Amino acid sequence: MEKSSALSLAQQSSELTSTLQHLRNGEKALYWKGLQGSSIALFATALSKINQGKHLFILDDKESAAYFLNDLQALYNDPNKVLFFPASMKVPYQLEATDNANVVYRAEVLERMNSDKSLLVVTYPEALFEKVPTQKKLVNHTMKLEVGKEYSMDFLNELLLEYGFEREDFVYQPGQFAIRGGILDVFSFSSDQPYRVEFFGDEVESVRGFDPSTQLSQTNYAFFNIIPNVQSSQLLEEVADLFSYLGPEALCWIHHQDVLEDTLQKMFAKADKLYQESKTVIVIVTGK
């Protein structure tokens, strides 16, 4: 059966019609049963195409979340609307044990949830357990560079250093920038590629994405956003949870609520134990 035909049948099903009616009547909690395997993603995609907005899918663990993500991306006409929100830290309270690739995914999701009205995000308990910067904090630490606008190179240099970016001769990973004459290369934490900004004086003449291994330009852009490491201590001075980015009209899908609650409780107990073990008592002795 063709993908479009399967989605059409799912959208016309009495079960989906009933679900939509309950949602329109303002019901806050619904329960689906009888679906197995990829049929869950099929009906979820069918519903999300009718009920536009933000959808957060919470699977039992990282592996099941990855499989569900693949199903959604295969079914959805625009895979760019389906994002993965992973955990960044392997161990709580150990920032050095972060996964840089996952930090980029988290930054991209937060940026998109701030700007997009319609989005499907797939995650799992360990990723939800980690706090994120508040929307206000993220907005205040987001710099938009736009073609035709004027920016001082000295200002951008200071700003990027303040954001925790490292100045290098050439950029090859998120969190780096390089300045060569009137050219600024920046690898934002919310992007899978670096951007090359060419200036004419203080005016941005062009913005292009490029391949860091070949230095060849790929795509022209009218603008792009520079976002620092969302897991940095600076941004985590004011924290919230991912749900604060959803908005009142969003739908939250939970595969197994008991598994979610049990995992979060175990994560909290583990984090609390590590926190207690890491606490250091400092005794200051002064003479008279």
Protein backbone atom coordinates (compact mmCIF):
# COMPACT_ATOMS: atom_id res chain seq x y z
CA MET A 1 0.00 0.00 0.00
CA GLU A 2 1.23 3.50 -0.86
CA LYS A 3 2.19 5.77 2.02
CA SER A 4 -0.38 8.40 1.01
CA SER A 5 -3.13 5.77 0.83
CA ALA A 6 -2.30 4.43 4.28
CA LEU A 7 -2.36 7.93 5.76
CA SER A 8 -5.65 8.69 4.02
CA LEU A 9 -7.27 5.54 5.42
CA ALA A 10 -5.98 6.37 8.91
CA GLN A 11 -7.36 9.93 8.68
CA GLN A 12 -10.77 8.62 7.63
CA SER A 13 -10.96 5.99 10.38
CA SER A 14 -13.68 6.26 13.01
CA GLU A 15 -11.05 6.01 15.76
CA LEU A 16 -9.19 9.08 14.53
CA THR A 17 -12.44 10.98 13.99
CA SER A 18 -13.41 10.18 17.58
CA THR A 19 -10.02 11.33 18.88
CA LEU A 20 -10.30 14.64 17.03
CA GLN A 21 -13.80 15.19 18.40
CA HIS A 22 -12.60 14.62 21.97
CA LEU A 23 -9.72 17.08 21.43
CA ARG A 24 -12.07 19.71 20.03
CA ASN A 25 -14.31 19.23 23.05
CA GLY A 26 -11.40 20.19 25.25
CA GLU A 27 -10.52 16.77 26.70
CA LYS A 28 -7.06 16.79 28.30
CA ALA A 29 -6.27 13.06 28.47
CA LEU A 30 -6.97 10.38 25.87
CA TYR A 31 -5.93 6.72 25.75
CA TRP A 32 -5.20 4.71 22.60
CA LYS A 33 -4.95 0.92 22.68
CA GLY A 34 -4.71 -1.90 20.15
CA LEU A 35 -1.97 -0.35 18.00
CA GLN A 36 1.30 -2.18 17.43
CA GLY A 37 4.61 -1.45 15.72
CA SER A 38 4.60 1.22 13.03
CA SER A 39 0.82 1.61 13.15
CA ILE A 40 1.30 3.94 16.13
CA ALA A 41 3.45 6.30 14.02
CA LEU A 42 0.95 5.98 11.14
CA PHE A 43 -2.05 7.15 13.17
CA ALA A 44 0.02 9.77 15.03
CA THR A 45 1.18 11.22 11.71
CA ALA A 46 -2.37 11.17 10.35
CA LEU A 47 -3.61 13.06 13.40
CA SER A 48 -0.75 15.58 13.36
CA LYS A 49 -1.53 16.49 9.74
CA ILE A 50 -5.11 17.37 10.71
CA ASN A 51 -4.38 18.79 14.15
CA GLN A 52 -1.52 21.12 13.21
CA GLY A 53 0.78 22.39 15.94
CA LYS A 54 3.52 21.12 18.19
CA HIS A 55 3.56 17.43 19.08
CA LEU A 56 5.92 15.93 21.67
CA PHE A 57 6.34 12.15 21.58
CA ILE A 58 7.86 10.53 24.68
CA LEU A 59 9.02 6.96 24.10
CA ASP A 60 10.24 4.48 26.73
CA ASP A 61 13.96 4.70 25.93
CA LYS A 62 16.48 6.00 23.40
CA GLU A 63 16.31 2.94 21.14
CA SER A 64 12.52 2.91 20.82
CA ALA A 65 12.59 6.69 20.29
CA ALA A 66 15.05 6.25 17.39
CA TYR A 67 12.83 3.63 15.73
CA PHE A 68 9.75 5.81 16.17
CA LEU A 69 11.62 8.81 14.75
CA ASN A 70 12.48 6.82 11.62
CA ASP A 71 8.83 5.83 11.18
CA LEU A 72 7.62 9.43 11.50
CA GLN A 73 10.25 10.75 9.08
CA ALA A 74 9.29 8.09 6.54
CA LEU A 75 5.59 8.95 6.81
CA TYR A 76 5.75 12.75 7.05
CA ASN A 77 5.98 14.71 3.80
CA ASP A 78 8.43 17.17 5.35
CA PRO A 79 11.10 15.27 7.38
CA ASN A 80 12.52 18.64 8.53
CA LYS A 81 9.42 18.99 10.70
CA VAL A 82 10.34 15.83 12.64
CA LEU A 83 13.16 16.33 15.17
CA PHE A 84 14.96 14.25 17.78
CA PHE A 85 15.62 15.60 21.28
CA PRO A 86 18.32 13.47 22.97
CA ALA A 87 20.04 13.61 26.33
CA SER A 88 23.34 15.49 26.32
CA MET A 89 24.97 14.34 29.55
CA LYS A 90 25.96 10.72 30.09
CA VAL A 91 26.14 11.26 33.87
CA PRO A 92 24.34 13.98 35.89
CA TYR A 93 26.56 16.74 37.30
CA GLN A 94 29.44 15.74 35.01
CA LEU A 95 29.44 18.40 32.28
CA GLU A 96 32.67 17.04 30.82
CA ALA A 97 30.82 13.86 29.91
CA THR A 98 28.51 15.57 27.42
CA ASP A 99 27.93 14.31 23.89
CA ASN A 100 28.67 17.24 21.56
CA ALA A 101 26.49 15.90 18.75
CA ASN A 102 23.52 15.61 21.09
CA VAL A 103 24.10 19.16 22.37
CA VAL A 104 23.68 20.33 18.76
CA TYR A 105 20.43 18.37 18.39
CA ARG A 106 19.08 19.87 21.62
CA ALA A 107 19.97 23.40 20.54
CA GLU A 108 18.31 22.91 17.17
CA VAL A 109 15.11 21.60 18.77
CA LEU A 110 14.91 24.50 21.24
CA GLU A 111 15.47 27.05 18.47
CA ARG A 112 12.85 25.45 16.23
CA MET A 113 10.32 25.13 19.06
CA ASN A 114 10.78 28.84 19.70
CA SER A 115 10.18 29.79 16.06
CA ASP A 116 8.02 27.09 14.42
CA LYS A 117 4.29 26.76 15.03
CA SER A 118 4.12 23.20 13.69
CA LEU A 119 6.69 20.60 14.74
CA LEU A 120 7.00 16.96 15.77
CA VAL A 121 9.61 16.24 18.46
CA VAL A 122 10.60 12.73 19.58
CA THR A 123 12.32 12.18 22.92
CA TYR A 124 12.71 9.80 25.89
CA PRO A 125 12.82 10.11 29.73
CA GLU A 126 16.58 10.61 30.14
CA ALA A 127 16.48 13.55 27.71
CA LEU A 128 13.46 15.11 29.42
CA PHE A 129 15.19 14.84 32.81
CA GLU A 130 17.82 17.39 31.83
CA LYS A 131 16.82 21.00 32.30
CA VAL A 132 17.03 23.51 29.43
CA PRO A 133 17.46 27.31 29.36
CA THR A 134 14.28 29.32 29.72
CA GLN A 135 12.85 30.73 26.49
CA LYS A 136 13.77 34.24 27.65
CA LYS A 137 17.37 33.19 28.33
CA LEU A 138 17.64 31.48 24.95
CA VAL A 139 16.24 34.50 23.09
CA ASN A 140 18.63 36.82 24.92
CA HIS A 141 21.56 34.62 23.87
CA THR A 142 20.56 34.28 20.22
CA MET A 143 22.20 36.56 17.65
CA LYS A 144 20.62 36.93 14.21
CA LEU A 145 22.93 37.84 11.31
CA GLU A 146 21.04 39.09 8.28
CA VAL A 147 22.11 40.00 4.75
CA GLY A 148 22.02 43.76 4.21
CA LYS A 149 22.34 44.62 7.90
CA GLU A 150 25.43 46.23 9.47
CA TYR A 151 27.45 44.66 12.30
CA SER A 152 30.81 45.62 13.75
CA MET A 153 33.35 42.80 13.41
CA ASP A 154 34.82 43.76 16.77
CA PHE A 155 31.38 43.51 18.34
CA LEU A 156 30.79 40.06 16.82
CA ASN A 157 34.20 38.89 18.01
CA GLU A 158 33.44 39.97 21.59
CA LEU A 159 29.91 38.57 21.45
CA LEU A 160 31.05 35.14 20.27
CA LEU A 161 33.70 34.98 22.97
CA GLU A 162 31.03 35.94 25.52
CA TYR A 163 28.82 33.14 24.16
CA GLY A 164 31.63 30.68 24.87
CA PHE A 165 32.75 30.20 21.26
CA GLU A 166 36.44 29.53 20.59
CA ARG A 167 38.34 31.52 17.95
CA GLU A 168 40.26 29.25 15.57
CA ASP A 169 42.03 29.55 12.23
CA PHE A 170 39.40 27.27 10.66
CA VAL A 171 36.08 26.01 12.04
CA TYR A 172 35.27 22.31 12.00
CA GLN A 173 32.89 21.75 14.92
CA PRO A 174 30.09 23.61 16.77
CA GLY A 175 31.27 26.33 19.13
CA GLN A 176 34.05 27.67 16.91
CA PHE A 177 34.49 30.81 14.82
CA ALA A 178 37.20 32.30 12.59
CA ILE A 179 37.80 35.81 11.27
CA ARG A 180 39.88 36.44 8.16
CA GLY A 181 39.69 40.01 6.87
CA GLY A 182 36.07 40.67 5.94
CA ILE A 183 34.99 37.04 6.33
CA LEU A 184 33.46 35.50 9.45
CA ASP A 185 33.04 31.72 9.73
CA VAL A 186 30.72 30.57 12.54
CA PHE A 187 29.63 27.06 13.56
CA SER A 188 26.46 27.61 15.60
CA PHE A 189 25.31 24.95 18.07
CA SER A 190 21.93 24.80 16.37
CA SER A 191 23.28 23.85 12.94
CA ASP A 192 24.84 20.79 11.32
CA GLN A 193 27.03 23.00 9.12
CA PRO A 194 29.07 26.19 9.60
CA TYR A 195 28.16 29.51 7.98
CA ARG A 196 30.43 31.90 6.08
CA VAL A 197 29.50 35.58 6.38
CA GLU A 198 31.12 37.97 3.91
CA PHE A 199 31.17 41.67 4.75
CA PHE A 200 31.50 44.80 2.65
CA GLY A 201 32.66 47.22 5.32
CA ASP A 202 30.25 46.57 8.19
CA GLU A 203 27.43 45.38 5.93
CA VAL A 204 26.70 41.66 5.50
CA GLU A 205 27.03 40.99 1.77
CA SER A 206 26.28 37.25 1.79
CA VAL A 207 25.64 34.29 4.10
CA ARG A 208 26.47 30.80 2.89
CA GLY A 209 26.59 27.38 4.46
CA PHE A 210 29.77 25.49 3.64
CA ASP A 211 31.45 22.12 4.03
CA PRO A 212 34.21 22.45 6.66
CA SER A 213 36.24 19.60 5.13
CA THR A 214 36.36 21.06 1.60
CA GLN A 215 35.61 24.74 2.41
CA LEU A 216 33.17 24.71 -0.55
CA SER A 217 29.98 26.76 -0.29
CA GLN A 218 26.68 24.92 -0.47
CA THR A 219 23.62 27.12 0.09
CA ASN A 220 22.90 30.85 0.27
CA TYR A 221 20.82 32.19 3.15
CA ALA A 222 19.10 35.50 3.87
CA PHE A 223 19.98 35.14 7.56
CA PHE A 224 20.97 32.65 10.25
CA ASN A 225 20.94 32.51 14.05
CA ILE A 226 24.01 32.08 16.22
CA ILE A 227 23.13 30.01 19.28
CA PRO A 228 25.66 29.04 21.97
CA ASN A 229 25.90 25.73 23.83
CA VAL A 230 22.46 25.35 25.45
CA GLN A 231 24.01 23.11 28.13
CA SER A 232 26.59 25.71 29.19
CA SER A 233 26.54 26.93 32.77
CA GLN A 234 25.86 30.47 31.52
CA LEU A 235 22.58 29.55 29.84
CA LEU A 236 21.56 27.17 32.62
CA GLU A 237 21.54 29.97 35.18
CA GLU A 238 17.80 30.18 34.45
CA VAL A 239 16.31 26.78 33.69
CA ALA A 240 13.01 25.25 32.70
CA ASP A 241 11.83 21.98 31.20
CA LEU A 242 11.06 21.13 27.59
CA PHE A 243 7.30 21.37 28.23
CA SER A 244 7.64 25.14 28.70
CA TYR A 245 8.48 25.40 24.97
CA LEU A 246 5.32 23.60 23.84
CA GLY A 247 2.61 26.19 24.41
CA PRO A 248 -1.00 25.61 25.54
CA GLU A 249 -2.25 24.06 22.27
CA ALA A 250 0.44 21.37 21.92
CA LEU A 251 -0.17 17.63 22.19
CA CYS A 252 2.04 15.43 24.38
CA TRP A 253 2.12 11.73 23.47
CA ILE A 254 3.34 9.22 26.07
CA HIS A 255 3.97 5.61 25.10
CA HIS A 256 3.83 4.15 28.63
CA GLN A 257 3.18 6.58 31.48
CA ASP A 258 4.28 4.11 34.17
CA VAL A 259 7.64 3.58 32.41
CA LEU A 260 8.14 7.34 32.11
CA GLU A 261 7.41 7.97 35.78
CA ASP A 262 9.57 5.05 36.95
CA THR A 263 12.55 6.14 34.81
CA LEU A 264 12.32 9.75 35.95
CA GLN A 265 12.20 8.67 39.60
CA LYS A 266 15.29 6.50 39.12
CA MET A 267 17.08 9.34 37.34
CA PHE A 268 16.25 11.72 40.18
CA ALA A 269 17.48 9.25 42.81
CA LYS A 270 20.73 8.74 40.89
CA ALA A 271 21.26 12.48 40.39
CA ASP A 272 20.54 13.20 44.06
CA LYS A 273 23.04 10.55 45.15
CA LEU A 274 25.75 11.95 42.86
CA TYR A 275 25.00 15.46 44.08
CA GLN A 276 25.31 14.44 47.73
CA GLU A 277 28.58 12.62 47.02
CA SER A 278 30.01 15.63 45.16
CA LYS A 279 29.27 18.18 47.89
CA THR A 280 32.41 19.57 49.43
CA VAL A 281 32.62 21.13 52.87
CA ILE A 282 35.13 23.98 53.13
CA VAL A 283 36.37 24.86 56.63
CA ILE A 284 38.13 28.19 57.08
CA VAL A 285 40.29 28.57 60.19
CA THR A 286 41.43 32.05 61.17
CA GLY A 287 43.75 33.06 63.95
CA LYS A 288 42.98 35.83 66.41
